[in-house]
Amino acid sequence: MGKKELEVVKGLNVERYMGRWYEIASFRSAFQPKNGVDTRATYTLNPDGTVHVLNETWTNGKRDSIEGTAWKVDPKSDEAKLKVRFFVPPFWPIIPVTGDYWVMYIDENYQYALVGQPSRKFLWILCRQTSLDEETYNQLVEKAKGDGYDVSKLHKTTHSDTPPESDGPQDAKGIWWLKSLFGK
């Protein structure tokens, strides 16, 4: 028996969704350093209606980042089903990698969200702040579990008391990306 179709947010206000989101927890990705902290995403609406994506994380005091573009799968639908494309490796971006980004839940004030995709290999709990109260966190975990995710794979993200600025030292060589391929 196959997994049921993921339910997603309907009527997502894309303008309200823009801005900075901190990763509270996620399934580890091969494209993220294992020891990354202060992981966050910043979304900016482009004039053509697509979304500029900036994902950042810090490893050993250095900023690792990758930029991409997101867009609605079906512009006529009110479902929050998006595609996101990054070019890798970040130090010589030539290979497009496209994935699903489905907003499964967002609170009415657009302060926290649950994001996944239909294969259930990726899951993110996001918040506008660097922390989320335990009750809300547990509710989002239960929603993900009810949607067929193996929530035992969730890894909480460590955040500093004072989040770093984006203009910190950059890993310009992309070494983090190469290391991530080998799970380091």
N, C-alpha and C. Protein backbone atom coordinates (compact mmCIF):
# COMPACT_ATOMS: atom_id res chain seq x y z
N MET A 1 0.84 -1.18 0.00
CA MET A 1 0.00 0.00 0.00
C MET A 1 0.89 1.24 0.00
N GLY A 2 0.63 2.17 -0.91
CA GLY A 2 1.43 3.38 -1.03
C GLY A 2 1.09 4.38 0.06
N LYS A 3 1.97 5.34 0.19
CA LYS A 3 1.75 6.40 1.16
C LYS A 3 0.69 7.34 0.64
N LYS A 4 -0.10 7.89 1.57
CA LYS A 4 -1.13 8.85 1.15
C LYS A 4 -0.47 10.14 0.68
N GLU A 5 -1.17 10.85 -0.18
CA GLU A 5 -0.68 12.13 -0.68
C GLU A 5 -0.53 13.10 0.49
N LEU A 6 0.56 13.82 0.50
CA LEU A 6 0.77 14.81 1.56
C LEU A 6 -0.23 15.94 1.41
N GLU A 7 -0.80 16.34 2.52
CA GLU A 7 -1.65 17.53 2.50
C GLU A 7 -0.77 18.74 2.67
N VAL A 8 -1.04 19.77 1.89
CA VAL A 8 -0.25 20.99 1.96
C VAL A 8 -1.16 22.17 2.26
N VAL A 9 -0.52 23.26 2.63
CA VAL A 9 -1.24 24.50 2.91
C VAL A 9 -1.91 24.98 1.62
N LYS A 10 -3.12 25.46 1.76
CA LYS A 10 -3.82 26.06 0.62
C LYS A 10 -3.88 27.57 0.88
N GLY A 11 -3.68 28.35 -0.17
CA GLY A 11 -3.77 29.79 -0.03
C GLY A 11 -2.58 30.41 0.68
N LEU A 12 -1.39 29.84 0.52
CA LEU A 12 -0.19 30.40 1.15
C LEU A 12 0.03 31.82 0.64
N ASN A 13 0.20 32.76 1.56
CA ASN A 13 0.50 34.14 1.20
C ASN A 13 2.02 34.23 1.03
N VAL A 14 2.45 34.18 -0.22
CA VAL A 14 3.88 34.12 -0.52
C VAL A 14 4.62 35.34 0.02
N GLU A 15 4.01 36.52 -0.07
CA GLU A 15 4.66 37.72 0.44
C GLU A 15 4.93 37.62 1.94
N ARG A 16 3.97 37.08 2.70
CA ARG A 16 4.16 36.93 4.15
C ARG A 16 5.19 35.85 4.47
N TYR A 17 5.38 34.90 3.57
CA TYR A 17 6.32 33.81 3.79
C TYR A 17 7.77 34.27 3.58
N MET A 18 7.94 35.36 2.86
CA MET A 18 9.29 35.85 2.59
C MET A 18 9.99 36.27 3.88
N GLY A 19 11.32 36.32 3.83
CA GLY A 19 12.11 36.72 4.99
C GLY A 19 12.95 35.57 5.50
N ARG A 20 13.43 35.71 6.71
CA ARG A 20 14.34 34.74 7.30
C ARG A 20 13.59 33.70 8.12
N TRP A 21 13.99 32.44 7.94
CA TRP A 21 13.48 31.31 8.69
C TRP A 21 14.67 30.54 9.26
N TYR A 22 14.61 30.22 10.54
CA TYR A 22 15.65 29.43 11.18
C TYR A 22 15.24 27.96 11.18
N GLU A 23 16.19 27.10 10.90
CA GLU A 23 15.94 25.66 10.93
C GLU A 23 15.97 25.21 12.38
N ILE A 24 14.84 24.74 12.87
CA ILE A 24 14.74 24.24 14.24
C ILE A 24 15.13 22.77 14.28
N ALA A 25 14.71 22.02 13.27
CA ALA A 25 15.06 20.60 13.15
C ALA A 25 14.88 20.20 11.69
N SER A 26 15.59 19.14 11.32
CA SER A 26 15.47 18.65 9.94
C SER A 26 15.99 17.22 9.86
N PHE A 27 15.70 16.59 8.74
CA PHE A 27 16.37 15.35 8.39
C PHE A 27 17.71 15.79 7.82
N ARG A 28 18.77 15.14 8.22
CA ARG A 28 20.10 15.49 7.69
C ARG A 28 20.12 15.29 6.19
N SER A 29 20.79 16.22 5.52
CA SER A 29 20.91 16.18 4.08
C SER A 29 22.37 16.00 3.71
N ALA A 30 22.62 15.30 2.63
CA ALA A 30 23.99 15.11 2.15
C ALA A 30 24.61 16.44 1.75
N PHE A 31 23.78 17.43 1.49
CA PHE A 31 24.29 18.72 1.04
C PHE A 31 24.55 19.69 2.18
N GLN A 32 24.38 19.24 3.43
CA GLN A 32 24.66 20.10 4.57
C GLN A 32 25.78 19.51 5.40
N PRO A 33 26.68 20.35 5.91
CA PRO A 33 27.72 19.82 6.79
C PRO A 33 27.10 19.22 8.05
N LYS A 34 27.63 18.08 8.49
CA LYS A 34 27.09 17.40 9.68
C LYS A 34 27.16 18.27 10.92
N ASN A 35 28.21 19.08 11.03
CA ASN A 35 28.39 19.87 12.24
C ASN A 35 27.98 21.33 12.04
N GLY A 36 27.11 21.60 11.07
CA GLY A 36 26.64 22.95 10.83
C GLY A 36 25.73 23.44 11.95
N VAL A 37 25.86 24.72 12.29
CA VAL A 37 25.02 25.35 13.31
C VAL A 37 24.45 26.63 12.74
N ASP A 38 23.47 27.20 13.44
CA ASP A 38 22.85 28.46 13.04
C ASP A 38 22.30 28.41 11.61
N THR A 39 21.78 27.26 11.23
CA THR A 39 21.28 27.05 9.87
C THR A 39 19.98 27.83 9.66
N ARG A 40 19.92 28.50 8.51
CA ARG A 40 18.75 29.33 8.22
C ARG A 40 18.57 29.48 6.72
N ALA A 41 17.38 29.92 6.36
CA ALA A 41 17.04 30.21 4.96
C ALA A 41 16.43 31.59 4.90
N THR A 42 16.80 32.34 3.87
CA THR A 42 16.22 33.66 3.65
C THR A 42 15.59 33.65 2.27
N TYR A 43 14.31 34.01 2.22
CA TYR A 43 13.56 34.00 0.97
C TYR A 43 13.22 35.44 0.58
N THR A 44 13.44 35.74 -0.71
CA THR A 44 13.16 37.07 -1.25
C THR A 44 12.38 36.91 -2.54
N LEU A 45 11.27 37.63 -2.65
CA LEU A 45 10.45 37.55 -3.86
C LEU A 45 11.14 38.27 -5.01
N ASN A 46 11.27 37.57 -6.13
CA ASN A 46 11.83 38.15 -7.35
C ASN A 46 10.74 38.85 -8.14
N PRO A 47 11.08 39.82 -8.98
CA PRO A 47 10.07 40.54 -9.77
C PRO A 47 9.22 39.62 -10.65
N ASP A 48 9.78 38.46 -11.08
CA ASP A 48 9.02 37.55 -11.95
C ASP A 48 8.12 36.59 -11.17
N GLY A 49 8.06 36.75 -9.83
CA GLY A 49 7.19 35.89 -9.02
C GLY A 49 7.89 34.66 -8.47
N THR A 50 9.11 34.38 -8.92
CA THR A 50 9.88 33.29 -8.33
C THR A 50 10.48 33.79 -7.01
N VAL A 51 11.09 32.88 -6.29
CA VAL A 51 11.64 33.22 -4.98
C VAL A 51 13.15 32.95 -4.98
N HIS A 52 13.92 33.95 -4.57
CA HIS A 52 15.36 33.76 -4.38
C HIS A 52 15.55 33.09 -3.03
N VAL A 53 16.34 32.02 -3.00
CA VAL A 53 16.59 31.24 -1.79
C VAL A 53 18.07 31.36 -1.42
N LEU A 54 18.32 31.73 -0.18
CA LEU A 54 19.69 31.75 0.35
C LEU A 54 19.70 30.85 1.59
N ASN A 55 20.37 29.71 1.49
CA ASN A 55 20.53 28.80 2.63
C ASN A 55 21.92 29.01 3.19
N GLU A 56 22.00 29.16 4.54
CA GLU A 56 23.27 29.40 5.20
C GLU A 56 23.40 28.49 6.42
N THR A 57 24.63 28.10 6.69
CA THR A 57 24.96 27.39 7.92
C THR A 57 26.41 27.73 8.27
N TRP A 58 26.76 27.57 9.51
CA TRP A 58 28.12 27.89 9.96
C TRP A 58 28.79 26.63 10.45
N THR A 59 30.03 26.42 10.00
CA THR A 59 30.83 25.27 10.40
C THR A 59 32.19 25.77 10.84
N ASN A 60 32.55 25.48 12.07
CA ASN A 60 33.85 25.91 12.61
C ASN A 60 34.06 27.41 12.41
N GLY A 61 33.00 28.18 12.61
CA GLY A 61 33.09 29.64 12.52
C GLY A 61 33.02 30.21 11.12
N LYS A 62 32.95 29.35 10.10
CA LYS A 62 32.88 29.84 8.72
C LYS A 62 31.49 29.63 8.15
N ARG A 63 31.08 30.59 7.35
CA ARG A 63 29.76 30.56 6.73
C ARG A 63 29.80 29.73 5.45
N ASP A 64 28.89 28.76 5.38
CA ASP A 64 28.68 27.97 4.16
C ASP A 64 27.32 28.38 3.62
N SER A 65 27.21 28.57 2.33
CA SER A 65 25.92 28.98 1.78
C SER A 65 25.73 28.46 0.37
N ILE A 66 24.48 28.45 -0.03
CA ILE A 66 24.13 28.11 -1.40
C ILE A 66 22.87 28.90 -1.75
N GLU A 67 22.81 29.35 -2.99
CA GLU A 67 21.66 30.13 -3.44
C GLU A 67 20.90 29.36 -4.50
N GLY A 68 19.60 29.59 -4.54
CA GLY A 68 18.77 28.91 -5.51
C GLY A 68 17.53 29.71 -5.82
N THR A 69 16.62 29.07 -6.54
CA THR A 69 15.36 29.69 -6.94
C THR A 69 14.23 28.71 -6.69
N ALA A 70 13.11 29.23 -6.18
CA ALA A 70 11.92 28.41 -5.96
C ALA A 70 10.77 29.00 -6.76
N TRP A 71 9.82 28.13 -7.12
CA TRP A 71 8.64 28.56 -7.87
C TRP A 71 7.50 27.58 -7.61
N LYS A 72 6.27 28.06 -7.82
CA LYS A 72 5.10 27.19 -7.64
C LYS A 72 5.07 26.14 -8.73
N VAL A 73 4.76 24.90 -8.36
CA VAL A 73 4.67 23.82 -9.33
C VAL A 73 3.57 24.12 -10.35
N ASP A 74 2.41 24.55 -9.84
CA ASP A 74 1.27 24.90 -10.71
C ASP A 74 0.81 26.31 -10.33
N PRO A 75 1.16 27.30 -11.14
CA PRO A 75 0.81 28.68 -10.80
C PRO A 75 -0.69 28.92 -10.64
N LYS A 76 -1.52 28.05 -11.20
CA LYS A 76 -2.98 28.22 -11.10
C LYS A 76 -3.56 27.59 -9.84
N SER A 77 -2.77 26.76 -9.17
CA SER A 77 -3.24 26.08 -7.96
C SER A 77 -3.01 26.96 -6.73
N ASP A 78 -3.87 26.78 -5.71
CA ASP A 78 -3.66 27.51 -4.46
C ASP A 78 -2.87 26.67 -3.46
N GLU A 79 -2.37 25.49 -3.89
CA GLU A 79 -1.60 24.63 -3.00
C GLU A 79 -0.16 25.11 -2.89
N ALA A 80 0.41 24.97 -1.69
CA ALA A 80 1.78 25.42 -1.41
C ALA A 80 2.78 24.33 -1.80
N LYS A 81 2.77 23.97 -3.07
CA LYS A 81 3.71 23.01 -3.63
C LYS A 81 4.68 23.78 -4.50
N LEU A 82 5.93 23.81 -4.06
CA LEU A 82 6.95 24.52 -4.80
C LEU A 82 8.06 23.58 -5.22
N LYS A 83 8.80 24.03 -6.20
CA LYS A 83 10.05 23.38 -6.62
C LYS A 83 11.16 24.34 -6.26
N VAL A 84 12.32 23.81 -5.92
CA VAL A 84 13.48 24.65 -5.65
C VAL A 84 14.66 24.07 -6.42
N ARG A 85 15.46 24.96 -6.99
CA ARG A 85 16.62 24.53 -7.78
C ARG A 85 17.87 25.23 -7.26
N PHE A 86 18.89 24.41 -7.04
CA PHE A 86 20.21 24.90 -6.69
C PHE A 86 21.17 24.40 -7.76
N PHE A 87 22.25 25.13 -7.95
CA PHE A 87 23.30 24.66 -8.84
C PHE A 87 24.48 24.26 -7.98
N VAL A 88 25.01 23.06 -8.24
CA VAL A 88 26.12 22.54 -7.45
C VAL A 88 27.26 22.16 -8.38
N PRO A 89 28.45 22.08 -7.86
CA PRO A 89 28.84 22.51 -6.52
C PRO A 89 28.82 24.03 -6.42
N PRO A 90 28.66 24.57 -5.20
CA PRO A 90 28.50 26.03 -5.06
C PRO A 90 29.70 26.83 -5.53
N PHE A 91 30.90 26.22 -5.49
CA PHE A 91 32.08 26.96 -5.91
C PHE A 91 32.25 26.97 -7.44
N TRP A 92 31.47 26.15 -8.16
CA TRP A 92 31.51 26.11 -9.62
C TRP A 92 30.15 25.60 -10.08
N PRO A 93 29.13 26.45 -9.93
CA PRO A 93 27.74 25.99 -10.10
C PRO A 93 27.38 25.66 -11.56
N ILE A 94 27.39 24.36 -11.85
CA ILE A 94 27.06 23.93 -13.21
C ILE A 94 25.97 22.86 -13.26
N ILE A 95 25.78 22.14 -12.17
CA ILE A 95 24.82 21.03 -12.18
C ILE A 95 23.54 21.46 -11.46
N PRO A 96 22.41 21.51 -12.17
CA PRO A 96 21.16 21.88 -11.49
C PRO A 96 20.60 20.70 -10.68
N VAL A 97 20.24 20.99 -9.45
CA VAL A 97 19.60 20.00 -8.59
C VAL A 97 18.25 20.59 -8.19
N THR A 98 17.18 19.90 -8.55
CA THR A 98 15.83 20.40 -8.29
C THR A 98 15.12 19.46 -7.33
N GLY A 99 14.41 20.04 -6.37
CA GLY A 99 13.67 19.24 -5.41
C GLY A 99 12.32 19.85 -5.08
N ASP A 100 11.53 19.08 -4.37
CA ASP A 100 10.21 19.54 -3.93
C ASP A 100 10.33 20.28 -2.61
N TYR A 101 9.51 21.30 -2.45
CA TYR A 101 9.44 22.09 -1.22
C TYR A 101 7.95 22.33 -0.99
N TRP A 102 7.35 21.48 -0.17
CA TRP A 102 5.92 21.57 0.08
C TRP A 102 5.68 22.07 1.50
N VAL A 103 4.96 23.18 1.62
CA VAL A 103 4.63 23.72 2.94
C VAL A 103 3.42 22.93 3.44
N MET A 104 3.67 22.09 4.45
CA MET A 104 2.62 21.21 4.98
C MET A 104 1.80 21.87 6.08
N TYR A 105 2.41 22.84 6.75
CA TYR A 105 1.70 23.56 7.81
C TYR A 105 2.38 24.90 8.02
N ILE A 106 1.56 25.91 8.29
CA ILE A 106 2.08 27.21 8.73
C ILE A 106 1.05 27.80 9.68
N ASP A 107 1.53 28.41 10.75
CA ASP A 107 0.59 29.01 11.70
C ASP A 107 0.00 30.28 11.10
N GLU A 108 -1.07 30.76 11.67
CA GLU A 108 -1.78 31.92 11.10
C GLU A 108 -0.95 33.20 11.11
N ASN A 109 0.04 33.29 11.98
CA ASN A 109 0.89 34.48 12.04
C ASN A 109 2.19 34.34 11.24
N TYR A 110 2.32 33.22 10.54
CA TYR A 110 3.52 32.97 9.73
C TYR A 110 4.80 33.04 10.56
N GLN A 111 4.77 32.38 11.73
CA GLN A 111 5.92 32.37 12.63
C GLN A 111 6.63 31.01 12.67
N TYR A 112 5.95 29.93 12.31
CA TYR A 112 6.59 28.62 12.25
C TYR A 112 5.91 27.79 11.18
N ALA A 113 6.68 26.85 10.62
CA ALA A 113 6.19 26.07 9.48
C ALA A 113 6.78 24.67 9.50
N LEU A 114 6.07 23.78 8.83
CA LEU A 114 6.52 22.41 8.61
C LEU A 114 6.61 22.23 7.10
N VAL A 115 7.79 21.86 6.63
CA VAL A 115 8.03 21.75 5.19
C VAL A 115 8.57 20.36 4.89
N GLY A 116 8.05 19.75 3.83
CA GLY A 116 8.53 18.43 3.43
C GLY A 116 8.42 18.25 1.95
N GLN A 117 8.40 16.97 1.55
CA GLN A 117 8.21 16.65 0.16
C GLN A 117 7.67 15.24 0.05
N PRO A 118 7.07 14.91 -1.12
CA PRO A 118 6.28 13.68 -1.21
C PRO A 118 7.03 12.37 -0.96
N SER A 119 8.34 12.30 -1.20
CA SER A 119 9.06 11.05 -0.95
C SER A 119 9.33 10.85 0.54
N ARG A 120 9.14 11.93 1.31
CA ARG A 120 9.36 11.92 2.76
C ARG A 120 10.82 11.69 3.15
N LYS A 121 11.74 12.01 2.24
CA LYS A 121 13.17 11.90 2.54
C LYS A 121 13.71 13.16 3.21
N PHE A 122 12.98 14.25 3.09
CA PHE A 122 13.41 15.53 3.66
C PHE A 122 12.28 16.12 4.47
N LEU A 123 12.64 16.76 5.58
CA LEU A 123 11.66 17.39 6.46
C LEU A 123 12.35 18.52 7.19
N TRP A 124 11.65 19.65 7.31
CA TRP A 124 12.19 20.79 8.03
C TRP A 124 11.13 21.37 8.95
N ILE A 125 11.53 21.72 10.15
CA ILE A 125 10.71 22.53 11.04
C ILE A 125 11.40 23.87 11.09
N LEU A 126 10.68 24.91 10.68
CA LEU A 126 11.24 26.25 10.56
C LEU A 126 10.52 27.21 11.49
N CYS A 127 11.24 28.26 11.90
CA CYS A 127 10.66 29.26 12.79
C CYS A 127 11.32 30.61 12.49
N ARG A 128 10.60 31.68 12.73
CA ARG A 128 11.16 33.02 12.54
C ARG A 128 12.19 33.36 13.63
N GLN A 129 12.13 32.63 14.74
CA GLN A 129 13.07 32.80 15.85
C GLN A 129 14.03 31.61 15.86
N THR A 130 15.10 31.70 16.63
CA THR A 130 16.08 30.61 16.69
C THR A 130 15.63 29.46 17.58
N SER A 131 14.49 29.61 18.24
CA SER A 131 13.97 28.52 19.06
C SER A 131 12.45 28.48 18.95
N LEU A 132 11.91 27.34 19.31
CA LEU A 132 10.47 27.11 19.23
C LEU A 132 10.07 26.39 20.52
N ASP A 133 8.96 26.81 21.11
CA ASP A 133 8.56 26.17 22.37
C ASP A 133 8.28 24.68 22.14
N GLU A 134 8.54 23.91 23.19
CA GLU A 134 8.48 22.44 23.09
C GLU A 134 7.09 21.94 22.69
N GLU A 135 6.04 22.57 23.19
CA GLU A 135 4.67 22.13 22.85
C GLU A 135 4.41 22.27 21.35
N THR A 136 4.75 23.42 20.79
CA THR A 136 4.55 23.64 19.36
C THR A 136 5.43 22.69 18.55
N TYR A 137 6.68 22.54 18.98
CA TYR A 137 7.59 21.62 18.30
C TYR A 137 6.98 20.21 18.26
N ASN A 138 6.51 19.74 19.40
CA ASN A 138 5.93 18.40 19.47
C ASN A 138 4.69 18.26 18.60
N GLN A 139 3.88 19.31 18.50
CA GLN A 139 2.71 19.27 17.63
C GLN A 139 3.12 19.12 16.17
N LEU A 140 4.17 19.83 15.77
CA LEU A 140 4.65 19.73 14.39
C LEU A 140 5.25 18.35 14.12
N VAL A 141 5.95 17.80 15.10
CA VAL A 141 6.50 16.45 14.96
C VAL A 141 5.36 15.45 14.80
N GLU A 142 4.32 15.58 15.60
CA GLU A 142 3.17 14.66 15.51
C GLU A 142 2.47 14.78 14.15
N LYS A 143 2.36 15.99 13.64
CA LYS A 143 1.77 16.18 12.30
C LYS A 143 2.61 15.46 11.26
N ALA A 144 3.93 15.62 11.33
CA ALA A 144 4.81 14.95 10.37
C ALA A 144 4.68 13.43 10.49
N LYS A 145 4.61 12.94 11.71
CA LYS A 145 4.45 11.50 11.94
C LYS A 145 3.15 11.01 11.33
N GLY A 146 2.08 11.78 11.53
CA GLY A 146 0.79 11.43 10.96
C GLY A 146 0.79 11.46 9.43
N ASP A 147 1.71 12.22 8.86
CA ASP A 147 1.84 12.30 7.40
C ASP A 147 2.80 11.25 6.84
N GLY A 148 3.25 10.34 7.70
CA GLY A 148 4.06 9.23 7.22
C GLY A 148 5.56 9.43 7.30
N TYR A 149 6.03 10.45 8.02
CA TYR A 149 7.46 10.67 8.18
C TYR A 149 8.00 9.84 9.34
N ASP A 150 9.21 9.34 9.19
CA ASP A 150 9.91 8.65 10.27
C ASP A 150 10.59 9.74 11.10
N VAL A 151 9.88 10.25 12.10
CA VAL A 151 10.36 11.40 12.87
C VAL A 151 11.56 11.07 13.75
N SER A 152 11.92 9.80 13.86
CA SER A 152 13.13 9.46 14.61
C SER A 152 14.38 9.99 13.89
N LYS A 153 14.25 10.36 12.62
CA LYS A 153 15.38 10.91 11.85
C LYS A 153 15.56 12.40 12.06
N LEU A 154 14.64 13.03 12.78
CA LEU A 154 14.75 14.48 13.01
C LEU A 154 15.97 14.80 13.86
N HIS A 155 16.69 15.80 13.44
CA HIS A 155 17.89 16.26 14.15
C HIS A 155 17.67 17.74 14.49
N LYS A 156 17.72 18.07 15.78
CA LYS A 156 17.57 19.47 16.18
C LYS A 156 18.81 20.26 15.82
N THR A 157 18.60 21.47 15.35
CA THR A 157 19.68 22.35 14.91
C THR A 157 20.11 23.24 16.07
N THR A 158 21.40 23.34 16.28
CA THR A 158 21.96 24.19 17.33
C THR A 158 22.03 25.63 16.82
N HIS A 159 21.61 26.56 17.66
CA HIS A 159 21.68 27.99 17.33
C HIS A 159 22.39 28.75 18.44
N SER A 160 23.16 29.75 18.04
CA SER A 160 23.85 30.63 18.99
C SER A 160 22.84 31.56 19.65
N ASP A 161 23.19 32.08 20.81
CA ASP A 161 22.33 33.07 21.45
C ASP A 161 22.19 34.30 20.56
N THR A 162 23.25 34.65 19.87
CA THR A 162 23.23 35.77 18.93
C THR A 162 23.56 35.22 17.56
N PRO A 163 22.56 35.11 16.66
CA PRO A 163 22.83 34.56 15.33
C PRO A 163 23.88 35.39 14.59
N PRO A 164 24.78 34.72 13.86
CA PRO A 164 25.82 35.44 13.14
C PRO A 164 25.24 36.27 11.99
N GLU A 165 26.01 37.27 11.61
CA GLU A 165 25.63 38.07 10.45
C GLU A 165 26.05 37.32 9.19
N SER A 166 25.43 37.63 8.08
CA SER A 166 25.74 36.94 6.83
C SER A 166 27.10 37.28 6.27
N ASP A 167 27.70 38.36 6.73
CA ASP A 167 28.96 38.77 6.12
C ASP A 167 30.18 38.23 6.85
N GLY A 168 30.02 37.11 7.57
CA GLY A 168 31.15 36.49 8.26
C GLY A 168 32.09 35.80 7.29
N PRO A 169 33.16 35.19 7.80
CA PRO A 169 34.11 34.49 6.93
C PRO A 169 33.38 33.44 6.09
N GLN A 170 33.68 33.39 4.82
CA GLN A 170 33.00 32.49 3.89
C GLN A 170 33.94 31.36 3.48
N ASP A 171 33.39 30.16 3.36
CA ASP A 171 34.14 29.04 2.81
C ASP A 171 34.04 29.16 1.30
N ALA A 172 34.88 30.00 0.72
CA ALA A 172 34.82 30.30 -0.70
C ALA A 172 35.27 29.13 -1.57
N LYS A 173 35.99 28.18 -1.00
CA LYS A 173 36.49 27.07 -1.80
C LYS A 173 35.46 25.96 -1.96
N GLY A 174 34.40 26.00 -1.16
CA GLY A 174 33.39 24.95 -1.25
C GLY A 174 33.84 23.63 -0.66
N ILE A 175 34.86 23.66 0.19
CA ILE A 175 35.36 22.42 0.81
C ILE A 175 34.25 21.73 1.59
N TRP A 176 33.39 22.51 2.26
CA TRP A 176 32.29 21.92 3.04
C TRP A 176 31.43 21.04 2.15
N TRP A 177 31.21 21.48 0.92
CA TRP A 177 30.34 20.71 0.02
C TRP A 177 30.97 19.38 -0.32
N LEU A 178 32.26 19.38 -0.61
CA LEU A 178 32.96 18.13 -0.92
C LEU A 178 32.94 17.20 0.28
N LYS A 179 33.20 17.76 1.49
CA LYS A 179 33.18 16.95 2.70
C LYS A 179 31.79 16.36 2.94
N SER A 180 30.75 17.14 2.62
CA SER A 180 29.38 16.67 2.87
C SER A 180 29.06 15.43 2.05
N LEU A 181 29.69 15.28 0.90
CA LEU A 181 29.45 14.09 0.07
C LEU A 181 29.92 12.82 0.78
N PHE A 182 30.87 12.99 1.70
CA PHE A 182 31.42 11.85 2.42
C PHE A 182 30.91 11.79 3.86
N GLY A 183 29.85 12.57 4.15
CA GLY A 183 29.22 12.52 5.45
C GLY A 183 30.00 13.16 6.57
N LYS A 184 30.88 14.14 6.25
CA LYS A 184 31.70 14.79 7.28
C LYS A 184 31.20 16.19 7.56
